[in-house]
Amino acid sequence: MTDGPRTRPHVVIFDVNETLTDMDPLRARFEDVGLPGHLVATWFASVLRDGFALTAAGGYAEFAAIAADVLRGLLAGRDIDADAAIERILRAFTELRLHPDVPDGMRTLRDGGIRLLTMTNGAAATTEGILAREGVLDLVEARLDVSGPRVWKPARAAYEYAVGRAGVRPEQAALVAVHPWDVDGAMRAGLAGAWLDRRGTPYPSVMTAPSVSARDLMALAAMWTGG
């Protein structure tokens, strides 16, 4: 199911974590080091919380540093080698795979003449490694992260940085994400917001409604390219 206007963007900017990458395999790595698999969601949400909080307060730290700190807190009081566990989990994070719909969705967009970039609260180097392993690195002209503007999405400056690097006006770009907070932030910065509703969950009523929504990237690409 898709809905929303079919206005074709000149540039599509992808969020990376969860939007492009499948984080479910991290559950097994958590269990391997002695943590319950369900804590992956708590860990990731806590990393975002602390990144957002630093940005709101005028500070900045990189994703890996915050991720390690949050993991150390989850490991506290457990009979686990914290340093080794953190290293294993963060390495697994860099080895994630793309969702099955992503490679073909990206190819459809590029074949339709739409430029592709990524903008992550994580690290551009991690994004590049994942895209290279999946054979789609050449489709994405720039892999960006928040170390450039030194603010985490959904701060306006993060989106302004991305569209500035793309050399387009905000209204010529669309941000694609599974996170409503990211869609909302992009739209407040003047971009179109495309929500990938992978899990069939309600979109929060308190956030700006997306310009367009789709169940996966293939459906979204077909909407924008007429495929």
Foldseek 3Di string as FASTA:
>chain_A
DKDFDLDAFQAEEEEPVPQFFDPLVLLVLCVVQPHHSVCVVVLVVQLVVVQQVQQVVVHFDASLVSSLVSQVVRCPPPPTPSVVSSVSSVVVVLVTETDPVPPVLLVLQVVLNHAYEYEYSHDLVSVLSRCVVVVNNVSHPYYYYCVVVRHHPLPLVSLVVVVVVVVHDQCNYEYEDQDLSRQQSSVVNPHAYEHQVCPPDDRDPVGDDGNMYYPHSNVSSCSNRVD
